[in-house]
Amino acid sequence: DGRSAWQLQDGKVVKTISLEEAERRVERLGLPMPVRREGKWAAGQR
């Protein structure tokens, strides 16, 4: 639903973080920010 986020380490959940913190970490790590379309996450689009 896009309302919660978690920090992962080697594929395992470490802790819950805020959506804002998740966005900052994505930018810091250089990872792509996922996109939501029509109320759900979109993948396999590019």
All heavy atoms as atom14 arrays in JSON, in Angstrom:
{
  "sequence": "DGRSAWQLQDGKVVKTISLEEAERRVERLGLPMPVRREGKWAAGQR",
  "atom14_mask": [
    [1, 1, 1, 1, 1, 1, 1, 1, 0, 0, 0, 0, 0, 0],
    [1, 1, 1, 1, 0, 0, 0, 0, 0, 0, 0, 0, 0, 0],
    [1, 1, 1, 1, 1, 1, 1, 1, 1, 1, 1, 0, 0, 0],
    [1, 1, 1, 1, 1, 1, 0, 0, 0, 0, 0, 0, 0, 0],
    [1, 1, 1, 1, 1, 0, 0, 0, 0, 0, 0, 0, 0, 0],
    [1, 1, 1, 1, 1, 1, 1, 1, 1, 1, 1, 1, 1, 1],
    [1, 1, 1, 1, 1, 1, 1, 1, 1, 0, 0, 0, 0, 0],
    [1, 1, 1, 1, 1, 1, 1, 1, 0, 0, 0, 0, 0, 0],
    [1, 1, 1, 1, 1, 1, 1, 1, 1, 0, 0, 0, 0, 0],
    [1, 1, 1, 1, 1, 1, 1, 1, 0, 0, 0, 0, 0, 0],
    [1, 1, 1, 1, 0, 0, 0, 0, 0, 0, 0, 0, 0, 0],
    [1, 1, 1, 1, 1, 1, 1, 1, 1, 0, 0, 0, 0, 0],
    [1, 1, 1, 1, 1, 1, 1, 0, 0, 0, 0, 0, 0, 0],
    [1, 1, 1, 1, 1, 1, 1, 0, 0, 0, 0, 0, 0, 0],
    [1, 1, 1, 1, 1, 1, 1, 1, 1, 0, 0, 0, 0, 0],
    [1, 1, 1, 1, 1, 1, 1, 0, 0, 0, 0, 0, 0, 0],
    [1, 1, 1, 1, 1, 1, 1, 1, 0, 0, 0, 0, 0, 0],
    [1, 1, 1, 1, 1, 1, 0, 0, 0, 0, 0, 0, 0, 0],
    [1, 1, 1, 1, 1, 1, 1, 1, 0, 0, 0, 0, 0, 0],
    [1, 1, 1, 1, 1, 1, 1, 1, 1, 0, 0, 0, 0, 0],
    [1, 1, 1, 1, 1, 1, 1, 1, 1, 0, 0, 0, 0, 0],
    [1, 1, 1, 1, 1, 0, 0, 0, 0, 0, 0, 0, 0, 0],
    [1, 1, 1, 1, 1, 1, 1, 1, 1, 0, 0, 0, 0, 0],
    [1, 1, 1, 1, 1, 1, 1, 1, 1, 1, 1, 0, 0, 0],
    [1, 1, 1, 1, 1, 1, 1, 1, 1, 1, 1, 0, 0, 0],
    [1, 1, 1, 1, 1, 1, 1, 0, 0, 0, 0, 0, 0, 0],
    [1, 1, 1, 1, 1, 1, 1, 1, 1, 0, 0, 0, 0, 0],
    [1, 1, 1, 1, 1, 1, 1, 1, 1, 1, 1, 0, 0, 0],
    [1, 1, 1, 1, 1, 1, 1, 1, 0, 0, 0, 0, 0, 0],
    [1, 1, 1, 1, 0, 0, 0, 0, 0, 0, 0, 0, 0, 0],
    [1, 1, 1, 1, 1, 1, 1, 1, 0, 0, 0, 0, 0, 0],
    [1, 1, 1, 1, 1, 1, 1, 0, 0, 0, 0, 0, 0, 0],
    [1, 1, 1, 1, 1, 1, 1, 1, 0, 0, 0, 0, 0, 0],
    [1, 1, 1, 1, 1, 1, 1, 0, 0, 0, 0, 0, 0, 0],
    [1, 1, 1, 1, 1, 1, 1, 0, 0, 0, 0, 0, 0, 0],
    [1, 1, 1, 1, 1, 1, 1, 1, 1, 1, 1, 0, 0, 0],
    [1, 1, 1, 1, 1, 1, 1, 1, 1, 1, 1, 0, 0, 0],
    [1, 1, 1, 1, 1, 1, 1, 1, 1, 0, 0, 0, 0, 0],
    [1, 1, 1, 1, 0, 0, 0, 0, 0, 0, 0, 0, 0, 0],
    [1, 1, 1, 1, 1, 1, 1, 1, 1, 0, 0, 0, 0, 0],
    [1, 1, 1, 1, 1, 1, 1, 1, 1, 1, 1, 1, 1, 1],
    [1, 1, 1, 1, 1, 0, 0, 0, 0, 0, 0, 0, 0, 0],
    [1, 1, 1, 1, 1, 0, 0, 0, 0, 0, 0, 0, 0, 0],
    [1, 1, 1, 1, 0, 0, 0, 0, 0, 0, 0, 0, 0, 0],
    [1, 1, 1, 1, 1, 1, 1, 1, 1, 0, 0, 0, 0, 0],
    [1, 1, 1, 1, 1, 1, 1, 1, 1, 1, 1, 0, 0, 0]
  ],
  "atom14_positions": [
    [[0.81, -1.22, 0.0], [0.0, 0.0, 0.0], [0.84, 1.27, 0.0], [0.31, 2.38, -0.08], [-0.97, 0.01, 1.18], [-0.26, -0.1, 2.53], [1.0, 0.08, 2.57], [-0.91, -0.4, 3.53], [0.0, 0.0, 0.0], [0.0, 0.0, 0.0], [0.0, 0.0, 0.0], [0.0, 0.0, 0.0], [0.0, 0.0, 0.0], [0.0, 0.0, 0.0]],
    [[2.17, 1.12, 0.15], [3.08, 2.26, 0.09], [3.12, 3.09, 1.35], [3.65, 4.2, 1.35], [0.0, 0.0, 0.0], [0.0, 0.0, 0.0], [0.0, 0.0, 0.0], [0.0, 0.0, 0.0], [0.0, 0.0, 0.0], [0.0, 0.0, 0.0], [0.0, 0.0, 0.0], [0.0, 0.0, 0.0], [0.0, 0.0, 0.0], [0.0, 0.0, 0.0]],
    [[2.58, 2.58, 2.49], [2.49, 3.37, 3.72], [3.61, 3.07, 4.71], [3.78, 3.82, 5.68], [1.14, 3.13, 4.39], [-0.02, 3.62, 3.54], [-1.34, 3.33, 4.21], [-2.47, 3.79, 3.4], [-3.75, 3.65, 3.77], [-4.06, 3.06, 4.92], [-4.71, 4.09, 2.97], [0.0, 0.0, 0.0], [0.0, 0.0, 0.0], [0.0, 0.0, 0.0]],
    [[4.33, 1.97, 4.5], [5.39, 1.6, 5.44], [6.64, 1.23, 4.68], [6.59, 0.8, 3.52], [4.94, 0.42, 6.32], [3.77, 0.75, 7.03], [0.0, 0.0, 0.0], [0.0, 0.0, 0.0], [0.0, 0.0, 0.0], [0.0, 0.0, 0.0], [0.0, 0.0, 0.0], [0.0, 0.0, 0.0], [0.0, 0.0, 0.0], [0.0, 0.0, 0.0]],
    [[7.79, 1.36, 5.4], [9.07, 1.03, 4.79], [9.99, 0.36, 5.81], [9.88, 0.63, 7.02], [9.73, 2.28, 4.22], [0.0, 0.0, 0.0], [0.0, 0.0, 0.0], [0.0, 0.0, 0.0], [0.0, 0.0, 0.0], [0.0, 0.0, 0.0], [0.0, 0.0, 0.0], [0.0, 0.0, 0.0], [0.0, 0.0, 0.0], [0.0, 0.0, 0.0]],
    [[10.89, -0.49, 5.31], [11.83, -1.18, 6.18], [13.26, -1.03, 5.61], [13.46, -0.97, 4.4], [11.54, -2.68, 6.27], [10.29, -3.02, 7.03], [10.14, -3.17, 8.38], [9.01, -3.26, 6.46], [8.85, -3.49, 8.71], [8.13, -3.56, 7.54], [8.49, -3.23, 5.15], [6.78, -3.84, 7.35], [7.17, -3.52, 4.97], [6.32, -3.82, 6.05]],
    [[14.2, -1.05, 6.53], [15.6, -1.11, 6.14], [16.0, -2.58, 6.07], [15.66, -3.37, 6.95], [16.48, -0.37, 7.16], [17.97, -0.44, 6.8], [18.84, 0.15, 7.9], [18.34, 0.78, 8.84], [20.14, -0.06, 7.79], [0.0, 0.0, 0.0], [0.0, 0.0, 0.0], [0.0, 0.0, 0.0], [0.0, 0.0, 0.0], [0.0, 0.0, 0.0]],
    [[16.74, -2.96, 4.99], [17.18, -4.34, 4.81], [18.7, -4.42, 4.88], [19.4, -3.47, 4.54], [16.73, -4.88, 3.44], [15.22, -4.81, 3.11], [14.99, -5.3, 1.69], [14.42, -5.65, 4.1], [0.0, 0.0, 0.0], [0.0, 0.0, 0.0], [0.0, 0.0, 0.0], [0.0, 0.0, 0.0], [0.0, 0.0, 0.0], [0.0, 0.0, 0.0]],
    [[19.19, -5.59, 5.3], [20.62, -5.88, 5.26], [20.79, -7.31, 4.75], [20.31, -8.26, 5.37], [21.26, -5.74, 6.65], [22.77, -5.91, 6.66], [23.5, -4.81, 5.88], [23.09, -3.63, 5.93], [24.53, -5.18, 5.15], [0.0, 0.0, 0.0], [0.0, 0.0, 0.0], [0.0, 0.0, 0.0], [0.0, 0.0, 0.0], [0.0, 0.0, 0.0]],
    [[21.47, -7.44, 3.59], [21.66, -8.75, 2.93], [20.32, -9.44, 2.7], [20.19, -10.67, 2.83], [22.57, -9.65, 3.75], [23.98, -9.08, 3.87], [24.38, -8.3, 2.97], [24.67, -9.41, 4.85], [0.0, 0.0, 0.0], [0.0, 0.0, 0.0], [0.0, 0.0, 0.0], [0.0, 0.0, 0.0], [0.0, 0.0, 0.0], [0.0, 0.0, 0.0]],
    [[19.3, -8.63, 2.38], [17.98, -9.16, 2.04], [17.07, -9.41, 3.22], [15.92, -9.84, 3.02], [0.0, 0.0, 0.0], [0.0, 0.0, 0.0], [0.0, 0.0, 0.0], [0.0, 0.0, 0.0], [0.0, 0.0, 0.0], [0.0, 0.0, 0.0], [0.0, 0.0, 0.0], [0.0, 0.0, 0.0], [0.0, 0.0, 0.0], [0.0, 0.0, 0.0]],
    [[17.53, -9.15, 4.43], [16.71, -9.39, 5.63], [16.29, -8.07, 6.27], [17.06, -7.1, 6.26], [17.49, -10.24, 6.63], [17.82, -11.63, 6.11], [18.62, -12.42, 7.13], [18.97, -13.81, 6.61], [19.75, -14.6, 7.6], [0.0, 0.0, 0.0], [0.0, 0.0, 0.0], [0.0, 0.0, 0.0], [0.0, 0.0, 0.0], [0.0, 0.0, 0.0]],
    [[15.06, -8.07, 6.87], [14.53, -6.86, 7.51], [15.33, -6.56, 8.77], [15.54, -7.42, 9.62], [13.05, -7.03, 7.85], [12.54, -5.81, 8.64], [12.22, -7.22, 6.58], [0.0, 0.0, 0.0], [0.0, 0.0, 0.0], [0.0, 0.0, 0.0], [0.0, 0.0, 0.0], [0.0, 0.0, 0.0], [0.0, 0.0, 0.0], [0.0, 0.0, 0.0]],
    [[15.77, -5.28, 8.88], [16.52, -4.83, 10.06], [15.61, -4.03, 10.99], [15.51, -4.31, 12.19], [17.74, -3.98, 9.66], [18.45, -3.42, 10.89], [18.7, -4.81, 8.81], [0.0, 0.0, 0.0], [0.0, 0.0, 0.0], [0.0, 0.0, 0.0], [0.0, 0.0, 0.0], [0.0, 0.0, 0.0], [0.0, 0.0, 0.0], [0.0, 0.0, 0.0]],
    [[14.92, -3.04, 10.41], [14.03, -2.2, 11.23], [13.07, -1.44, 10.33], [13.29, -1.3, 9.13], [14.84, -1.23, 12.07], [15.67, -0.24, 11.27], [16.44, 0.7, 12.18], [17.28, 1.69, 11.37], [18.04, 2.61, 12.25], [0.0, 0.0, 0.0], [0.0, 0.0, 0.0], [0.0, 0.0, 0.0], [0.0, 0.0, 0.0], [0.0, 0.0, 0.0]],
    [[12.04, -0.92, 10.97], [11.07, -0.08, 10.27], [11.6, 1.35, 10.26], [12.14, 1.83, 11.27], [9.71, -0.11, 10.97], [9.25, -1.47, 11.03], [8.69, 0.74, 10.22], [0.0, 0.0, 0.0], [0.0, 0.0, 0.0], [0.0, 0.0, 0.0], [0.0, 0.0, 0.0], [0.0, 0.0, 0.0], [0.0, 0.0, 0.0], [0.0, 0.0, 0.0]],
    [[11.42, 2.01, 9.1], [11.84, 3.4, 8.98], [10.72, 4.19, 8.34], [9.79, 3.62, 7.74], [13.14, 3.55, 8.14], [12.93, 2.96, 6.74], [14.33, 2.91, 8.85], [14.12, 3.16, 5.82], [0.0, 0.0, 0.0], [0.0, 0.0, 0.0], [0.0, 0.0, 0.0], [0.0, 0.0, 0.0], [0.0, 0.0, 0.0], [0.0, 0.0, 0.0]],
    [[10.79, 5.52, 8.46], [9.76, 6.38, 7.88], [9.91, 6.42, 6.36], [10.97, 6.09, 5.82], [9.87, 7.8, 8.44], [11.09, 8.4, 8.0], [0.0, 0.0, 0.0], [0.0, 0.0, 0.0], [0.0, 0.0, 0.0], [0.0, 0.0, 0.0], [0.0, 0.0, 0.0], [0.0, 0.0, 0.0], [0.0, 0.0, 0.0], [0.0, 0.0, 0.0]],
    [[8.84, 6.84, 5.69], [8.9, 6.95, 4.23], [9.92, 8.0, 3.81], [10.6, 7.81, 2.8], [7.51, 7.32, 3.69], [6.4, 6.28, 3.93], [5.06, 6.8, 3.39], [6.74, 4.96, 3.27], [0.0, 0.0, 0.0], [0.0, 0.0, 0.0], [0.0, 0.0, 0.0], [0.0, 0.0, 0.0], [0.0, 0.0, 0.0], [0.0, 0.0, 0.0]],
    [[10.02, 9.07, 4.6], [11.0, 10.1, 4.27], [12.42, 9.55, 4.39], [13.3, 9.82, 3.56], [10.83, 11.32, 5.18], [9.55, 12.1, 4.96], [8.34, 11.41, 5.62], [8.54, 10.41, 6.36], [7.2, 11.87, 5.37], [0.0, 0.0, 0.0], [0.0, 0.0, 0.0], [0.0, 0.0, 0.0], [0.0, 0.0, 0.0], [0.0, 0.0, 0.0]],
    [[12.66, 8.79, 5.48], [13.98, 8.2, 5.68], [14.3, 7.19, 4.55], [15.43, 7.11, 4.08], [14.05, 7.51, 7.04], [15.37, 6.82, 7.33], [16.54, 7.77, 7.44], [16.33, 8.99, 7.59], [17.71, 7.29, 7.33], [0.0, 0.0, 0.0], [0.0, 0.0, 0.0], [0.0, 0.0, 0.0], [0.0, 0.0, 0.0], [0.0, 0.0, 0.0]],
    [[13.3, 6.46, 4.12], [13.48, 5.5, 3.04], [13.92, 6.21, 1.75], [14.82, 5.75, 1.04], [12.2, 4.72, 2.81], [0.0, 0.0, 0.0], [0.0, 0.0, 0.0], [0.0, 0.0, 0.0], [0.0, 0.0, 0.0], [0.0, 0.0, 0.0], [0.0, 0.0, 0.0], [0.0, 0.0, 0.0], [0.0, 0.0, 0.0], [0.0, 0.0, 0.0]],
    [[13.3, 7.34, 1.47], [13.66, 8.09, 0.26], [15.09, 8.63, 0.35], [15.83, 8.62, -0.64], [12.67, 9.25, 0.06], [11.29, 8.79, -0.37], [10.36, 9.95, -0.66], [10.87, 11.12, -0.7], [9.16, 9.73, -0.82], [0.0, 0.0, 0.0], [0.0, 0.0, 0.0], [0.0, 0.0, 0.0], [0.0, 0.0, 0.0], [0.0, 0.0, 0.0]],
    [[15.48, 9.11, 1.58], [16.84, 9.62, 1.74], [17.87, 8.5, 1.55], [18.92, 8.69, 0.92], [16.99, 10.26, 3.12], [16.32, 11.62, 3.23], [16.8, 12.36, 4.46], [16.41, 11.67, 5.7], [15.26, 11.9, 6.35], [14.39, 12.79, 5.89], [14.98, 11.25, 7.46], [0.0, 0.0, 0.0], [0.0, 0.0, 0.0], [0.0, 0.0, 0.0]],
    [[17.56, 7.32, 2.09], [18.49, 6.2, 1.97], [18.62, 5.73, 0.51], [19.7, 5.37, 0.04], [18.04, 5.04, 2.86], [18.28, 5.29, 4.34], [17.76, 4.14, 5.19], [18.03, 4.36, 6.59], [19.11, 3.97, 7.24], [20.06, 3.31, 6.59], [19.27, 4.22, 8.54], [0.0, 0.0, 0.0], [0.0, 0.0, 0.0], [0.0, 0.0, 0.0]],
    [[17.53, 5.72, -0.21], [17.56, 5.35, -1.63], [18.48, 6.28, -2.41], [19.31, 5.85, -3.22], [16.13, 5.38, -2.24], [16.2, 5.36, -3.76], [15.33, 4.2, -1.74], [0.0, 0.0, 0.0], [0.0, 0.0, 0.0], [0.0, 0.0, 0.0], [0.0, 0.0, 0.0], [0.0, 0.0, 0.0], [0.0, 0.0, 0.0], [0.0, 0.0, 0.0]],
    [[18.33, 7.58, -2.13], [19.16, 8.55, -2.83], [20.62, 8.39, -2.45], [21.52, 8.47, -3.31], [18.67, 9.95, -2.5], [19.38, 11.04, -3.27], [18.81, 12.41, -2.99], [17.8, 12.5, -2.25], [19.38, 13.41, -3.51], [0.0, 0.0, 0.0], [0.0, 0.0, 0.0], [0.0, 0.0, 0.0], [0.0, 0.0, 0.0], [0.0, 0.0, 0.0]],
    [[20.88, 8.16, -1.14], [22.26, 8.02, -0.69], [22.93, 6.77, -1.28], [24.11, 6.8, -1.66], [22.3, 7.95, 0.84], [23.7, 7.74, 1.42], [23.67, 7.83, 2.93], [22.77, 6.87, 3.51], [23.1, 5.58, 3.74], [24.29, 5.13, 3.4], [22.22, 4.76, 4.29], [0.0, 0.0, 0.0], [0.0, 0.0, 0.0], [0.0, 0.0, 0.0]],
    [[22.19, 5.7, -1.38], [22.75, 4.44, -1.89], [22.83, 4.41, -3.42], [23.49, 3.54, -3.99], [21.9, 3.26, -1.41], [21.91, 3.01, 0.11], [20.86, 1.98, 0.48], [23.3, 2.56, 0.56], [0.0, 0.0, 0.0], [0.0, 0.0, 0.0], [0.0, 0.0, 0.0], [0.0, 0.0, 0.0], [0.0, 0.0, 0.0], [0.0, 0.0, 0.0]],
    [[22.15, 5.34, -4.08], [22.15, 5.35, -5.54], [21.26, 4.29, -6.14], [21.45, 3.88, -7.3], [0.0, 0.0, 0.0], [0.0, 0.0, 0.0], [0.0, 0.0, 0.0], [0.0, 0.0, 0.0], [0.0, 0.0, 0.0], [0.0, 0.0, 0.0], [0.0, 0.0, 0.0], [0.0, 0.0, 0.0], [0.0, 0.0, 0.0], [0.0, 0.0, 0.0]],
    [[20.25, 3.86, -5.36], [19.3, 2.87, -5.85], [18.12, 3.55, -6.53], [17.81, 4.71, -6.22], [18.81, 2.0, -4.69], [19.85, 1.04, -4.08], [19.36, 0.48, -2.76], [20.16, -0.08, -5.06], [0.0, 0.0, 0.0], [0.0, 0.0, 0.0], [0.0, 0.0, 0.0], [0.0, 0.0, 0.0], [0.0, 0.0, 0.0], [0.0, 0.0, 0.0]],
    [[17.43, 2.85, -7.43], [16.26, 3.46, -8.08], [15.05, 3.52, -7.13], [14.8, 2.58, -6.37], [15.99, 2.52, -9.25], [16.51, 1.19, -8.79], [17.7, 1.49, -7.95], [0.0, 0.0, 0.0], [0.0, 0.0, 0.0], [0.0, 0.0, 0.0], [0.0, 0.0, 0.0], [0.0, 0.0, 0.0], [0.0, 0.0, 0.0], [0.0, 0.0, 0.0]],
    [[14.36, 4.63, -7.17], [13.15, 4.78, -6.36], [11.99, 4.13, -7.1], [11.71, 4.44, -8.26], [12.85, 6.26, -6.13], [11.64, 6.52, -5.26], [11.9, 5.95, -3.57], [10.21, 6.09, -2.92], [0.0, 0.0, 0.0], [0.0, 0.0, 0.0], [0.0, 0.0, 0.0], [0.0, 0.0, 0.0], [0.0, 0.0, 0.0], [0.0, 0.0, 0.0]],
    [[11.3, 3.16, -6.46], [10.19, 2.5, -7.15], [9.06, 3.47, -7.45], [8.89, 4.5, -6.79], [9.75, 1.41, -6.15], [10.24, 1.89, -4.83], [11.48, 2.66, -5.09], [0.0, 0.0, 0.0], [0.0, 0.0, 0.0], [0.0, 0.0, 0.0], [0.0, 0.0, 0.0], [0.0, 0.0, 0.0], [0.0, 0.0, 0.0], [0.0, 0.0, 0.0]],
    [[8.27, 3.11, -8.47], [7.19, 3.98, -8.95], [5.85, 3.3, -8.69], [5.71, 2.09, -8.9], [7.37, 4.26, -10.46], [6.23, 5.14, -10.97], [8.72, 4.92, -10.72], [0.0, 0.0, 0.0], [0.0, 0.0, 0.0], [0.0, 0.0, 0.0], [0.0, 0.0, 0.0], [0.0, 0.0, 0.0], [0.0, 0.0, 0.0], [0.0, 0.0, 0.0]],
    [[4.87, 4.12, -8.27], [3.53, 3.6, -8.06], [2.64, 4.06, -9.2], [2.68, 5.22, -9.62], [2.95, 4.08, -6.73], [3.66, 3.49, -5.52], [2.98, 3.94, -4.23], [1.61, 3.44, -4.09], [1.3, 2.23, -3.65], [2.27, 1.36, -3.33], [0.03, 1.86, -3.53], [0.0, 0.0, 0.0], [0.0, 0.0, 0.0], [0.0, 0.0, 0.0]],
    [[1.83, 3.13, -9.69], [0.87, 3.44, -10.75], [-0.46, 2.81, -10.38], [-0.51, 1.61, -10.06], [1.35, 2.91, -12.11], [2.54, 3.66, -12.69], [2.74, 3.28, -14.15], [3.86, 4.0, -14.75], [5.1, 3.55, -14.82], [5.39, 2.36, -14.3], [6.05, 4.27, -15.37], [0.0, 0.0, 0.0], [0.0, 0.0, 0.0], [0.0, 0.0, 0.0]],
    [[-1.5, 3.63, -10.45], [-2.86, 3.17, -10.16], [-2.94, 2.49, -8.81], [-3.57, 1.43, -8.64], [-3.36, 2.23, -11.27], [-3.41, 2.91, -12.62], [-3.85, 1.94, -13.72], [-4.03, 0.74, -13.41], [-3.98, 2.39, -14.86], [0.0, 0.0, 0.0], [0.0, 0.0, 0.0], [0.0, 0.0, 0.0], [0.0, 0.0, 0.0], [0.0, 0.0, 0.0]],
    [[-2.28, 3.08, -7.85], [-2.39, 2.62, -6.47], [-1.55, 1.41, -6.13], [-1.74, 0.81, -5.05], [0.0, 0.0, 0.0], [0.0, 0.0, 0.0], [0.0, 0.0, 0.0], [0.0, 0.0, 0.0], [0.0, 0.0, 0.0], [0.0, 0.0, 0.0], [0.0, 0.0, 0.0], [0.0, 0.0, 0.0], [0.0, 0.0, 0.0], [0.0, 0.0, 0.0]],
    [[-0.61, 1.02, -6.98], [0.25, -0.11, -6.66], [1.63, 0.09, -7.28], [1.81, 0.9, -8.18], [-0.37, -1.42, -7.13], [-0.66, -1.46, -8.61], [-1.35, -2.77, -8.98], [-1.66, -2.82, -10.48], [-2.35, -4.09, -10.85], [0.0, 0.0, 0.0], [0.0, 0.0, 0.0], [0.0, 0.0, 0.0], [0.0, 0.0, 0.0], [0.0, 0.0, 0.0]],
    [[2.57, -0.67, -6.72], [3.95, -0.54, -7.23], [4.05, -1.13, -8.63], [3.46, -2.15, -8.94], [4.94, -1.26, -6.31], [5.01, -0.68, -4.93], [4.57, -1.26, -3.77], [5.55, 0.58, -4.58], [4.79, -0.45, -2.7], [5.4, 0.71, -3.17], [6.12, 1.64, -5.28], [5.8, 1.83, -2.47], [6.54, 2.75, -4.57], [6.39, 2.86, -3.2]],
    [[4.84, -0.43, -9.44], [5.02, -0.88, -10.83], [6.43, -1.42, -11.0], [7.41, -0.83, -10.51], [4.79, 0.28, -11.79], [0.0, 0.0, 0.0], [0.0, 0.0, 0.0], [0.0, 0.0, 0.0], [0.0, 0.0, 0.0], [0.0, 0.0, 0.0], [0.0, 0.0, 0.0], [0.0, 0.0, 0.0], [0.0, 0.0, 0.0], [0.0, 0.0, 0.0]],
    [[6.54, -2.55, -11.66], [7.85, -3.15, -11.98], [7.74, -3.83, -13.33], [6.66, -4.19, -13.79], [8.28, -4.15, -10.91], [0.0, 0.0, 0.0], [0.0, 0.0, 0.0], [0.0, 0.0, 0.0], [0.0, 0.0, 0.0], [0.0, 0.0, 0.0], [0.0, 0.0, 0.0], [0.0, 0.0, 0.0], [0.0, 0.0, 0.0], [0.0, 0.0, 0.0]],
    [[8.86, -4.01, -13.95], [8.86, -4.64, -15.27], [8.4, -3.71, -16.36], [7.92, -4.14, -17.41], [0.0, 0.0, 0.0], [0.0, 0.0, 0.0], [0.0, 0.0, 0.0], [0.0, 0.0, 0.0], [0.0, 0.0, 0.0], [0.0, 0.0, 0.0], [0.0, 0.0, 0.0], [0.0, 0.0, 0.0], [0.0, 0.0, 0.0], [0.0, 0.0, 0.0]],
    [[8.55, -2.4, -16.11], [8.11, -1.42, -17.09], [9.24, -0.95, -18.01], [9.0, -0.38, -19.04], [7.53, -0.2, -16.36], [6.39, -0.55, -15.42], [5.2, -1.15, -16.13], [4.77, -0.63, -17.16], [4.68, -2.24, -15.61], [0.0, 0.0, 0.0], [0.0, 0.0, 0.0], [0.0, 0.0, 0.0], [0.0, 0.0, 0.0], [0.0, 0.0, 0.0]],
    [[10.48, -1.17, -17.58], [11.61, -0.67, -18.39], [12.72, -1.72, -18.41], [12.97, -2.39, -17.42], [12.13, 0.65, -17.83], [12.53, 0.57, -16.37], [12.83, 1.98, -15.81], [13.36, 1.9, -14.45], [12.62, 1.8, -13.37], [11.29, 1.73, -13.49], [13.17, 1.75, -12.18], [0.0, 0.0, 0.0], [0.0, 0.0, 0.0], [0.0, 0.0, 0.0]]
  ]
}
